[in-house]
C-alpha atoms as a PDB file:
ATOM      1  CA  UNK A   1     -44.134   4.431  13.034  1.00  0.00           C
ATOM      2  CA  UNK A   2     -42.578   1.989  14.620  1.00  0.00           C
ATOM      3  CA  UNK A   3     -42.157  -0.037  10.823  1.00  0.00           C
ATOM      4  CA  UNK A   4     -40.385   2.769   9.084  1.00  0.00           C
ATOM      5  CA  UNK A   5     -37.627   2.996  12.031  1.00  0.00           C
ATOM      6  CA  UNK A   6     -37.099  -0.641  11.879  1.00  0.00           C
ATOM      7  CA  UNK A   7     -37.098  -0.232   8.437  1.00  0.00           C
ATOM      8  CA  UNK A   8     -34.244   2.808   8.221  1.00  0.00           C
ATOM      9  CA  UNK A   9     -32.424   0.981  11.085  1.00  0.00           C
ATOM     10  CA  UNK A  10     -31.451  -2.141   8.545  1.00  0.00           C
ATOM     11  CA  UNK A  11     -30.993   0.216   6.112  1.00  0.00           C
ATOM     12  CA  UNK A  12     -28.317   2.182   7.701  1.00  0.00           C
ATOM     13  CA  UNK A  13     -27.111  -1.217   8.961  1.00  0.00           C
ATOM     14  CA  UNK A  14     -26.699  -2.983   5.574  1.00  0.00           C
ATOM     15  CA  UNK A  15     -25.023   0.279   4.474  1.00  0.00           C
ATOM     16  CA  UNK A  16     -22.646   0.090   6.895  1.00  0.00           C
ATOM     17  CA  UNK A  17     -22.114  -3.030   6.384  1.00  0.00           C
ATOM     18  CA  UNK A  18     -20.404  -2.328   2.803  1.00  0.00           C
ATOM     19  CA  UNK A  19     -18.786   0.926   3.958  1.00  0.00           C
ATOM     20  CA  UNK A  20     -16.416  -2.003   6.249  1.00  0.00           C
ATOM     21  CA  UNK A  21     -16.355  -4.348   3.387  1.00  0.00           C
ATOM     22  CA  UNK A  22     -15.823  -2.066   1.416  1.00  0.00           C
ATOM     23  CA  UNK A  23     -12.713  -0.372   4.288  1.00  0.00           C
ATOM     24  CA  UNK A  24     -10.852  -4.021   4.794  1.00  0.00           C
ATOM     25  CA  UNK A  25     -10.479  -3.248   0.946  1.00  0.00           C
ATOM     26  CA  UNK A  26      -9.126  -0.265   0.640  1.00  0.00           C
ATOM     27  CA  UNK A  27      -6.989  -1.303   4.117  1.00  0.00           C
ATOM     28  CA  UNK A  28      -5.585  -4.371   2.521  1.00  0.00           C
ATOM     29  CA  UNK A  29      -5.434  -2.204  -1.094  1.00  0.00           C
ATOM     30  CA  UNK A  30      -3.363   0.094   0.944  1.00  0.00           C
ATOM     31  CA  UNK A  31      -1.279  -2.198   2.701  1.00  0.00           C
ATOM     32  CA  UNK A  32       0.087  -3.798  -0.255  1.00  0.00           C
ATOM     33  CA  UNK A  33       0.894  -0.682  -2.421  1.00  0.00           C
ATOM     34  CA  UNK A  34       3.285  -0.179   0.844  1.00  0.00           C
ATOM     35  CA  UNK A  35       4.794  -3.686   0.588  1.00  0.00           C
ATOM     36  CA  UNK A  36       5.894  -2.942  -3.102  1.00  0.00           C
ATOM     37  CA  UNK A  37       6.900   1.116  -1.914  1.00  0.00           C
ATOM     38  CA  UNK A  38       9.537  -0.651   0.382  1.00  0.00           C
ATOM     39  CA  UNK A  39      10.304  -3.391  -2.443  1.00  0.00           C
ATOM     40  CA  UNK A  40      11.524  -0.361  -4.386  1.00  0.00           C
ATOM     41  CA  UNK A  41      12.913   1.143  -2.265  1.00  0.00           C
ATOM     42  CA  UNK A  42      15.397  -1.856  -1.443  1.00  0.00           C
ATOM     43  CA  UNK A  43      15.959  -2.603  -5.291  1.00  0.00           C
ATOM     44  CA  UNK A  44      16.318   1.732  -5.957  1.00  0.00           C
ATOM     45  CA  UNK A  45      19.098   0.650  -2.764  1.00  0.00           C
ATOM     46  CA  UNK A  46      20.897  -2.045  -4.257  1.00  0.00           C
ATOM     47  CA  UNK A  47      21.407   0.186  -7.793  1.00  0.00           C
ATOM     48  CA  UNK A  48      23.083   2.784  -5.711  1.00  0.00           C
ATOM     49  CA  UNK A  49      25.217   0.582  -4.046  1.00  0.00           C
ATOM     50  CA  UNK A  50      26.411  -1.382  -7.720  1.00  0.00           C
ATOM     51  CA  UNK A  51      26.985   1.750  -9.028  1.00  0.00           C
ATOM     52  CA  UNK A  52      28.794   2.721  -6.513  1.00  0.00           C
ATOM     53  CA  UNK A  53      30.623   0.129  -6.455  1.00  0.00           C
ATOM     54  CA  UNK A  54      31.495   0.157 -10.080  1.00  0.00           C
ATOM     55  CA  UNK A  55      32.289   3.989 -10.027  1.00  0.00           C
ATOM     56  CA  UNK A  56      35.473   2.783  -7.744  1.00  0.00           C
ATOM     57  CA  UNK A  57      36.476   0.435 -10.308  1.00  0.00           C
ATOM     58  CA  UNK A  58      36.398   2.949 -12.946  1.00  0.00           C
ATOM     59  CA  UNK A  59      38.059   4.959 -10.703  1.00  0.00           C
ATOM     60  CA  UNK A  60      41.226   2.416  -9.186  1.00  0.00           C
ATOM     61  CA  UNK A  61      41.577   1.619 -12.728  1.00  0.00           C
ATOM     62  CA  UNK A  62      41.976   5.198 -14.030  1.00  0.00           C
ATOM     63  CA  UNK A  63      44.417   5.521 -11.830  1.00  0.00           C
END
């Protein structure tokens, strides 16, 4: 009985190690994705500024 319990504990410990490694990898992936989203958001903001500047120039040229 003791040997079975030790074997089960060893198996569960190994499963836990795999689950923790997987969680760490997924956390890294989510962090990288979050950084990409922030970068894309900054790019969109810059494009909006460029468009607004061009529209202002066109309006000024048309007046």
